[in-house]
C-alpha atoms as a PDB file:
ATOM      1  CA  UNK A   1       0.000   0.000   0.000  1.00  0.00           C
ATOM      2  CA  UNK A   2       2.909   2.251   0.740  1.00  0.00           C
ATOM      3  CA  UNK A   3       4.502   1.928  -2.772  1.00  0.00           C
ATOM      4  CA  UNK A   4       1.261   2.515  -4.582  1.00  0.00           C
ATOM      5  CA  UNK A   5       0.749   5.746  -2.703  1.00  0.00           C
ATOM      6  CA  UNK A   6       4.297   6.790  -3.501  1.00  0.00           C
ATOM      7  CA  UNK A   7       3.755   6.062  -7.235  1.00  0.00           C
ATOM      8  CA  UNK A   8       0.587   8.123  -7.294  1.00  0.00           C
ATOM      9  CA  UNK A   9       2.450  10.954  -5.599  1.00  0.00           C
ATOM     10  CA  UNK A  10       5.287  11.072  -8.177  1.00  0.00           C
ATOM     11  CA  UNK A  11       3.446  10.051 -11.354  1.00  0.00           C
ATOM     12  CA  UNK A  12       1.170  12.639 -12.863  1.00  0.00           C
ATOM     13  CA  UNK A  13      -0.524  11.953 -16.220  1.00  0.00           C
ATOM     14  CA  UNK A  14      -0.783  15.673 -16.937  1.00  0.00           C
ATOM     15  CA  UNK A  15       3.016  15.981 -16.872  1.00  0.00           C
ATOM     16  CA  UNK A  16       3.381  13.074 -19.293  1.00  0.00           C
ATOM     17  CA  UNK A  17       0.864  14.678 -21.616  1.00  0.00           C
ATOM     18  CA  UNK A  18       2.756  17.985 -21.627  1.00  0.00           C
ATOM     19  CA  UNK A  19       5.977  16.129 -22.457  1.00  0.00           C
ATOM     20  CA  UNK A  20       4.346  14.398 -25.401  1.00  0.00           C
ATOM     21  CA  UNK A  21       3.045  17.723 -26.651  1.00  0.00           C
ATOM     22  CA  UNK A  22       6.532  19.247 -26.319  1.00  0.00           C
ATOM     23  CA  UNK A  23       8.101  16.386 -28.260  1.00  0.00           C
ATOM     24  CA  UNK A  24       5.462  16.627 -30.986  1.00  0.00           C
ATOM     25  CA  UNK A  25       5.956  20.360 -31.228  1.00  0.00           C
ATOM     26  CA  UNK A  26       9.720  19.837 -31.382  1.00  0.00           C
ATOM     27  CA  UNK A  27       9.309  17.291 -34.171  1.00  0.00           C
ATOM     28  CA  UNK A  28       6.935  19.568 -36.054  1.00  0.00           C
ATOM     29  CA  UNK A  29       9.344  22.505 -35.795  1.00  0.00           C
ATOM     30  CA  UNK A  30      12.321  20.344 -36.784  1.00  0.00           C
ATOM     31  CA  UNK A  31      10.401  18.993 -39.750  1.00  0.00           C
ATOM     32  CA  UNK A  32       9.391  22.492 -40.802  1.00  0.00           C
ATOM     33  CA  UNK A  33      12.973  23.752 -40.474  1.00  0.00           C
ATOM     34  CA  UNK A  34      14.213  20.765 -42.481  1.00  0.00           C
ATOM     35  CA  UNK A  35      11.617  21.316 -45.213  1.00  0.00           C
ATOM     36  CA  UNK A  36      12.343  25.059 -45.289  1.00  0.00           C
ATOM     37  CA  UNK A  37      16.079  24.364 -45.508  1.00  0.00           C
ATOM     38  CA  UNK A  38      15.518  21.773 -48.230  1.00  0.00           C
ATOM     39  CA  UNK A  39      13.371  24.224 -50.191  1.00  0.00           C
ATOM     40  CA  UNK A  40      16.036  26.890 -49.739  1.00  0.00           C
ATOM     41  CA  UNK A  41      18.730  24.475 -50.993  1.00  0.00           C
ATOM     42  CA  UNK A  42      16.569  23.508 -53.974  1.00  0.00           C
ATOM     43  CA  UNK A  43      16.051  27.182 -54.791  1.00  0.00           C
ATOM     44  CA  UNK A  44      19.765  27.900 -54.393  1.00  0.00           C
ATOM     45  CA  UNK A  45      20.639  24.883 -56.533  1.00  0.00           C
ATOM     46  CA  UNK A  46      18.226  26.064 -59.246  1.00  0.00           C
ATOM     47  CA  UNK A  47      19.804  29.529 -59.194  1.00  0.00           C
ATOM     48  CA  UNK A  48      23.284  28.001 -59.383  1.00  0.00           C
ATOM     49  CA  UNK A  49      22.204  25.814 -62.293  1.00  0.00           C
ATOM     50  CA  UNK A  50      20.962  28.941 -64.091  1.00  0.00           C
ATOM     51  CA  UNK A  51      24.248  30.720 -63.336  1.00  0.00           C
ATOM     52  CA  UNK A  52      26.205  27.689 -64.585  1.00  0.00           C
ATOM     53  CA  UNK A  53      24.121  27.524 -67.746  1.00  0.00           C
ATOM     54  CA  UNK A  54      24.711  31.240 -68.356  1.00  0.00           C
ATOM     55  CA  UNK A  55      28.419  30.784 -67.602  1.00  0.00           C
ATOM     56  CA  UNK A  56      28.721  27.844 -70.019  1.00  0.00           C
ATOM     57  CA  UNK A  57      26.871  29.835 -72.669  1.00  0.00           C
ATOM     58  CA  UNK A  58      29.216  32.800 -72.093  1.00  0.00           C
ATOM     59  CA  UNK A  59      32.256  30.510 -72.357  1.00  0.00           C
ATOM     60  CA  UNK A  60      30.958  29.048 -75.627  1.00  0.00           C
ATOM     61  CA  UNK A  61      30.278  32.560 -76.884  1.00  0.00           C
ATOM     62  CA  UNK A  62      33.823  33.649 -76.012  1.00  0.00           C
ATOM     63  CA  UNK A  63      35.298  30.499 -77.582  1.00  0.00           C
ATOM     64  CA  UNK A  64      33.321  31.098 -80.770  1.00  0.00           C
ATOM     65  CA  UNK A  65      34.423  34.736 -80.797  1.00  0.00           C
ATOM     66  CA  UNK A  66      38.057  33.682 -80.242  1.00  0.00           C
ATOM     67  CA  UNK A  67      37.929  31.077 -83.017  1.00  0.00           C
ATOM     68  CA  UNK A  68      36.253  33.560 -85.337  1.00  0.00           C
ATOM     69  CA  UNK A  69      38.900  36.201 -84.574  1.00  0.00           C
ATOM     70  CA  UNK A  70      41.672  33.650 -85.054  1.00  0.00           C
ATOM     71  CA  UNK A  71      40.355  32.738 -88.493  1.00  0.00           C
ATOM     72  CA  UNK A  72      39.958  36.421 -89.344  1.00  0.00           C
ATOM     73  CA  UNK A  73      43.542  37.199 -88.335  1.00  0.00           C
ATOM     74  CA  UNK A  74      44.821  34.159 -90.196  1.00  0.00           C
ATOM     75  CA  UNK A  75      43.022  35.241 -93.368  1.00  0.00           C
ATOM     76  CA  UNK A  76      44.331  38.785 -92.884  1.00  0.00           C
ATOM     77  CA  UNK A  77      47.890  37.456 -92.425  1.00  0.00           C
ATOM     78  CA  UNK A  78      47.618  35.294 -95.527  1.00  0.00           C
ATOM     79  CA  UNK A  79      46.309  38.229 -97.555  1.00  0.00           C
ATOM     80  CA  UNK A  80      49.141  40.476 -96.362  1.00  0.00           C
ATOM     81  CA  UNK A  81      51.619  37.693 -97.096  1.00  0.00           C
ATOM     82  CA  UNK A  82      50.216  37.352-100.615  1.00  0.00           C
ATOM     83  CA  UNK A  83      50.524  41.113-101.088  1.00  0.00           C
ATOM     84  CA  UNK A  84      54.051  41.004 -99.699  1.00  0.00           C
ATOM     85  CA  UNK A  85      55.025  38.302-102.161  1.00  0.00           C
ATOM     86  CA  UNK A  86      53.165  39.988-104.996  1.00  0.00           C
ATOM     87  CA  UNK A  87      54.927  43.322-104.455  1.00  0.00           C
ATOM     88  CA  UNK A  88      58.454  42.243-105.415  1.00  0.00           C
ATOM     89  CA  UNK A  89      57.105  40.497-108.514  1.00  0.00           C
ATOM     90  CA  UNK A  90      55.448  43.712-109.682  1.00  0.00           C
ATOM     91  CA  UNK A  91      58.574  45.719-108.958  1.00  0.00           C
ATOM     92  CA  UNK A  92      61.340  43.353-110.006  1.00  0.00           C
ATOM     93  CA  UNK A  93      59.837  41.427-112.874  1.00  0.00           C
ATOM     94  CA  UNK A  94      60.429  44.317-115.348  1.00  0.00           C
ATOM     95  CA  UNK A  95      64.121  44.133-114.379  1.00  0.00           C
ATOM     96  CA  UNK A  96      64.492  40.586-115.643  1.00  0.00           C
ATOM     97  CA  UNK A  97      66.511  40.106-118.846  1.00  0.00           C
ATOM     98  CA  UNK A  98      68.520  43.269-118.185  1.00  0.00           C
ATOM     99  CA  UNK A  99      72.264  43.367-117.656  1.00  0.00           C
ATOM    100  CA  UNK A 100      73.675  44.506-114.332  1.00  0.00           C
ATOM    101  CA  UNK A 101      77.168  45.155-113.042  1.00  0.00           C
ATOM    102  CA  UNK A 102      78.442  44.373-109.588  1.00  0.00           C
ATOM    103  CA  UNK A 103      81.758  44.376-107.710  1.00  0.00           C
ATOM    104  CA  UNK A 104      83.368  41.015-107.140  1.00  0.00           C
ATOM    105  CA  UNK A 105      86.392  40.127-105.069  1.00  0.00           C
ATOM    106  CA  UNK A 106      89.662  39.788-106.964  1.00  0.00           C
ATOM    107  CA  UNK A 107      92.557  37.573-105.951  1.00  0.00           C
ATOM    108  CA  UNK A 108      96.118  37.710-107.301  1.00  0.00           C
ATOM    109  CA  UNK A 109      99.142  35.520-106.776  1.00  0.00           C
ATOM    110  CA  UNK A 110     101.665  36.478-104.150  1.00  0.00           C
ATOM    111  CA  UNK A 111     105.134  37.341-105.542  1.00  0.00           C
ATOM    112  CA  UNK A 112     106.811  34.304-107.044  1.00  0.00           C
ATOM    113  CA  UNK A 113     109.884  32.961-105.339  1.00  0.00           C
ATOM    114  CA  UNK A 114     113.082  32.049-107.219  1.00  0.00           C
ATOM    115  CA  UNK A 115     113.122  28.379-106.205  1.00  0.00           C
ATOM    116  CA  UNK A 116     110.203  26.909-108.180  1.00  0.00           C
ATOM    117  CA  UNK A 117     109.483  26.632-111.891  1.00  0.00           C
ATOM    118  CA  UNK A 118     107.225  28.877-113.937  1.00  0.00           C
ATOM    119  CA  UNK A 119     104.189  26.920-112.775  1.00  0.00           C
ATOM    120  CA  UNK A 120     105.191  27.544-109.138  1.00  0.00           C
ATOM    121  CA  UNK A 121     105.905  23.844-108.675  1.00  0.00           C
ATOM    122  CA  UNK A 122     108.778  21.645-107.652  1.00  0.00           C
ATOM    123  CA  UNK A 123     109.397  18.717-109.965  1.00  0.00           C
ATOM    124  CA  UNK A 124     111.057  15.535-108.674  1.00  0.00           C
ATOM    125  CA  UNK A 125     111.938  12.426-110.671  1.00  0.00           C
ATOM    126  CA  UNK A 126     112.341   9.367-108.476  1.00  0.00           C
ATOM    127  CA  UNK A 127     114.808   6.523-109.172  1.00  0.00           C
ATOM    128  CA  UNK A 128     112.057   4.617-111.015  1.00  0.00           C
ATOM    129  CA  UNK A 129     111.698   7.463-113.449  1.00  0.00           C
ATOM    130  CA  UNK A 130     108.306   8.637-112.206  1.00  0.00           C
ATOM    131  CA  UNK A 131     107.750  12.387-112.093  1.00  0.00           C
ATOM    132  CA  UNK A 132     106.286  14.008-108.981  1.00  0.00           C
ATOM    133  CA  UNK A 133     105.109  17.603-108.727  1.00  0.00           C
ATOM    134  CA  UNK A 134     104.740  19.605-105.522  1.00  0.00           C
ATOM    135  CA  UNK A 135     103.110  22.998-105.269  1.00  0.00           C
ATOM    136  CA  UNK A 136     105.314  25.763-103.955  1.00  0.00           C
ATOM    137  CA  UNK A 137     104.271  27.898-101.004  1.00  0.00           C
ATOM    138  CA  UNK A 138     104.209  30.889-103.337  1.00  0.00           C
ATOM    139  CA  UNK A 139     101.470  29.221-105.370  1.00  0.00           C
ATOM    140  CA  UNK A 140      98.759  31.012-103.408  1.00  0.00           C
ATOM    141  CA  UNK A 141      96.425  33.915-104.064  1.00  0.00           C
ATOM    142  CA  UNK A 142      95.454  36.733-101.784  1.00  0.00           C
ATOM    143  CA  UNK A 143      92.627  39.221-101.868  1.00  0.00           C
ATOM    144  CA  UNK A 144      93.824  42.234-103.837  1.00  0.00           C
ATOM    145  CA  UNK A 145      90.696  44.325-104.296  1.00  0.00           C
ATOM    146  CA  UNK A 146      87.593  44.386-106.436  1.00  0.00           C
ATOM    147  CA  UNK A 147      86.897  44.002-110.107  1.00  0.00           C
ATOM    148  CA  UNK A 148      83.741  44.284-112.167  1.00  0.00           C
ATOM    149  CA  UNK A 149      81.339  41.421-112.844  1.00  0.00           C
ATOM    150  CA  UNK A 150      78.790  41.601-115.628  1.00  0.00           C
ATOM    151  CA  UNK A 151      75.632  39.524-115.308  1.00  0.00           C
ATOM    152  CA  UNK A 152      72.339  39.283-117.135  1.00  0.00           C
ATOM    153  CA  UNK A 153      69.311  38.168-115.166  1.00  0.00           C
ATOM    154  CA  UNK A 154      67.799  35.195-116.942  1.00  0.00           C
ATOM    155  CA  UNK A 155      64.730  34.182-115.000  1.00  0.00           C
ATOM    156  CA  UNK A 156      63.188  34.145-111.538  1.00  0.00           C
ATOM    157  CA  UNK A 157      63.710  30.871-109.731  1.00  0.00           C
ATOM    158  CA  UNK A 158      61.751  31.447-106.541  1.00  0.00           C
ATOM    159  CA  UNK A 159      60.417  34.109-104.185  1.00  0.00           C
ATOM    160  CA  UNK A 160      61.862  34.374-100.711  1.00  0.00           C
ATOM    161  CA  UNK A 161      62.034  36.585 -97.627  1.00  0.00           C
ATOM    162  CA  UNK A 162      65.422  37.493 -96.168  1.00  0.00           C
ATOM    163  CA  UNK A 163      65.553  39.403 -92.886  1.00  0.00           C
ATOM    164  CA  UNK A 164      61.957  40.472 -93.426  1.00  0.00           C
ATOM    165  CA  UNK A 165      62.740  41.909 -96.876  1.00  0.00           C
ATOM    166  CA  UNK A 166      60.953  40.468 -99.907  1.00  0.00           C
ATOM    167  CA  UNK A 167      63.375  39.483-102.621  1.00  0.00           C
ATOM    168  CA  UNK A 168      63.689  37.082-105.500  1.00  0.00           C
ATOM    169  CA  UNK A 169      66.068  34.245-106.167  1.00  0.00           C
ATOM    170  CA  UNK A 170      67.168  34.858-109.727  1.00  0.00           C
ATOM    171  CA  UNK A 171      69.484  32.966-112.008  1.00  0.00           C
ATOM    172  CA  UNK A 172      71.927  34.400-114.466  1.00  0.00           C
ATOM    173  CA  UNK A 173      72.771  33.218-117.934  1.00  0.00           C
ATOM    174  CA  UNK A 174      76.431  32.639-117.133  1.00  0.00           C
ATOM    175  CA  UNK A 175      76.846  28.907-116.378  1.00  0.00           C
ATOM    176  CA  UNK A 176      79.408  27.850-113.820  1.00  0.00           C
ATOM    177  CA  UNK A 177      79.451  24.330-115.210  1.00  0.00           C
ATOM    178  CA  UNK A 178      77.278  22.093-117.377  1.00  0.00           C
ATOM    179  CA  UNK A 179      74.567  21.595-114.754  1.00  0.00           C
ATOM    180  CA  UNK A 180      74.615  24.749-112.683  1.00  0.00           C
ATOM    181  CA  UNK A 181      73.601  28.321-113.388  1.00  0.00           C
ATOM    182  CA  UNK A 182      74.858  30.970-111.020  1.00  0.00           C
ATOM    183  CA  UNK A 183      72.110  32.262-108.744  1.00  0.00           C
ATOM    184  CA  UNK A 184      71.763  34.968-106.155  1.00  0.00           C
ATOM    185  CA  UNK A 185      69.181  36.710-104.030  1.00  0.00           C
ATOM    186  CA  UNK A 186      68.057  39.769-105.893  1.00  0.00           C
ATOM    187  CA  UNK A 187      66.801  42.623-103.730  1.00  0.00           C
ATOM    188  CA  UNK A 188      65.395  45.649-105.527  1.00  0.00           C
ATOM    189  CA  UNK A 189      66.881  47.915-102.851  1.00  0.00           C
ATOM    190  CA  UNK A 190      70.331  46.697-103.897  1.00  0.00           C
ATOM    191  CA  UNK A 191      69.914  47.962-107.470  1.00  0.00           C
ATOM    192  CA  UNK A 192      71.899  51.169-107.759  1.00  0.00           C
ATOM    193  CA  UNK A 193      70.961  53.788-110.302  1.00  0.00           C
ATOM    194  CA  UNK A 194      73.115  56.790-111.216  1.00  0.00           C
ATOM    195  CA  UNK A 195      71.085  58.881-108.763  1.00  0.00           C
ATOM    196  CA  UNK A 196      71.976  56.493-105.938  1.00  0.00           C
ATOM    197  CA  UNK A 197      75.729  56.291-106.588  1.00  0.00           C
ATOM    198  CA  UNK A 198      76.803  59.348-104.589  1.00  0.00           C
ATOM    199  CA  UNK A 199      74.619  58.295-101.670  1.00  0.00           C
ATOM    200  CA  UNK A 200      76.124  54.801-101.654  1.00  0.00           C
ATOM    201  CA  UNK A 201      79.714  56.062-101.784  1.00  0.00           C
ATOM    202  CA  UNK A 202      78.974  58.578 -99.022  1.00  0.00           C
ATOM    203  CA  UNK A 203      77.446  55.802 -96.911  1.00  0.00           C
ATOM    204  CA  UNK A 204      80.504  53.606 -97.359  1.00  0.00           C
ATOM    205  CA  UNK A 205      82.839  56.544 -96.679  1.00  0.00           C
ATOM    206  CA  UNK A 206      81.409  56.754 -93.178  1.00  0.00           C
ATOM    207  CA  UNK A 207      81.998  53.071 -92.446  1.00  0.00           C
ATOM    208  CA  UNK A 208      84.979  52.217 -90.278  1.00  0.00           C
ATOM    209  CA  UNK A 209      85.052  48.675 -91.653  1.00  0.00           C
ATOM    210  CA  UNK A 210      83.659  47.108 -94.823  1.00  0.00           C
ATOM    211  CA  UNK A 211      82.729  43.437 -94.988  1.00  0.00           C
ATOM    212  CA  UNK A 212      84.683  41.883 -97.848  1.00  0.00           C
ATOM    213  CA  UNK A 213      81.735  40.315 -99.667  1.00  0.00           C
ATOM    214  CA  UNK A 214      79.111  42.967 -98.883  1.00  0.00           C
ATOM    215  CA  UNK A 215      79.751  45.136-101.987  1.00  0.00           C
ATOM    216  CA  UNK A 216      78.968  42.148-104.213  1.00  0.00           C
ATOM    217  CA  UNK A 217      75.317  42.440-103.158  1.00  0.00           C
ATOM    218  CA  UNK A 218      74.892  45.627-105.199  1.00  0.00           C
ATOM    219  CA  UNK A 219      73.817  45.674-108.822  1.00  0.00           C
ATOM    220  CA  UNK A 220      74.558  48.766-110.903  1.00  0.00           C
ATOM    221  CA  UNK A 221      72.524  49.718-113.920  1.00  0.00           C
ATOM    222  CA  UNK A 222      75.548  51.131-115.733  1.00  0.00           C
ATOM    223  CA  UNK A 223      79.070  49.840-116.014  1.00  0.00           C
ATOM    224  CA  UNK A 224      80.519  53.302-115.394  1.00  0.00           C
ATOM    225  CA  UNK A 225      78.772  53.654-112.017  1.00  0.00           C
ATOM    226  CA  UNK A 226      79.989  50.237-110.939  1.00  0.00           C
ATOM    227  CA  UNK A 227      83.564  51.126-111.949  1.00  0.00           C
ATOM    228  CA  UNK A 228      83.376  54.328-109.862  1.00  0.00           C
ATOM    229  CA  UNK A 229      82.241  52.366-106.824  1.00  0.00           C
ATOM    230  CA  UNK A 230      84.974  49.785-107.368  1.00  0.00           C
ATOM    231  CA  UNK A 231      87.535  52.585-107.645  1.00  0.00           C
ATOM    232  CA  UNK A 232      86.352  53.908-104.290  1.00  0.00           C
ATOM    233  CA  UNK A 233      86.576  50.444-102.723  1.00  0.00           C
ATOM    234  CA  UNK A 234      90.075  49.770-104.058  1.00  0.00           C
ATOM    235  CA  UNK A 235      91.221  53.119-102.684  1.00  0.00           C
ATOM    236  CA  UNK A 236      89.918  52.128 -99.241  1.00  0.00           C
ATOM    237  CA  UNK A 237      91.105  48.537 -98.928  1.00  0.00           C
ATOM    238  CA  UNK A 238      92.419  49.349 -95.457  1.00  0.00           C
ATOM    239  CA  UNK A 239      88.770  49.364 -94.338  1.00  0.00           C
ATOM    240  CA  UNK A 240      87.939  45.988 -95.860  1.00  0.00           C
ATOM    241  CA  UNK A 241      87.587  43.291 -93.242  1.00  0.00           C
ATOM    242  CA  UNK A 242      89.091  40.094 -94.641  1.00  0.00           C
END
């Protein structure tokens, strides 16, 4: 009887009912917060998907614009390249089949010694009667200045660009051997008219050194102008860098 009274004293159904209501309310609020959070995440995800779709579309737009610009620049480059190649043809083609004059390096024998024969050789006949010839040390040539070279342009072999300058590879009608025709790069700026002669000589007068083979790049329209330039060069051989 004592324990039953004690149970009745401590156990109250109204308290239990309030606890159930509190738990239910807590569940309801937690469920609502979860649903609200889920809805918020779904909304945020939808917005992010829209942003991503817009971003992907913008990237594709930029890629298309880049590819289009690349093709445009490539076409522009090719057109300028065609014009660059076409320009020397228009300017130089009329010069073909004309005769030009240019300086060329000249080499002469060193003084002959008094020990070799007229061919600058030593001749030796061995005990078997066989003849042997040995070249003498004086049988050598040294650079002695410039002389004139006359060439007629025969035809254009190919178009090329040297140091950013359009020029033509031309061949001349003077064969070096049976299978080879002398060729050289032909730059219109290297063609010297009578009006350009004084300027060229003045330019070379100011040089402290002259590369040995550089003057051979010039083509003179008249033989007299080329001879004047060669005369200047031969009078300034101390400047020529060998």
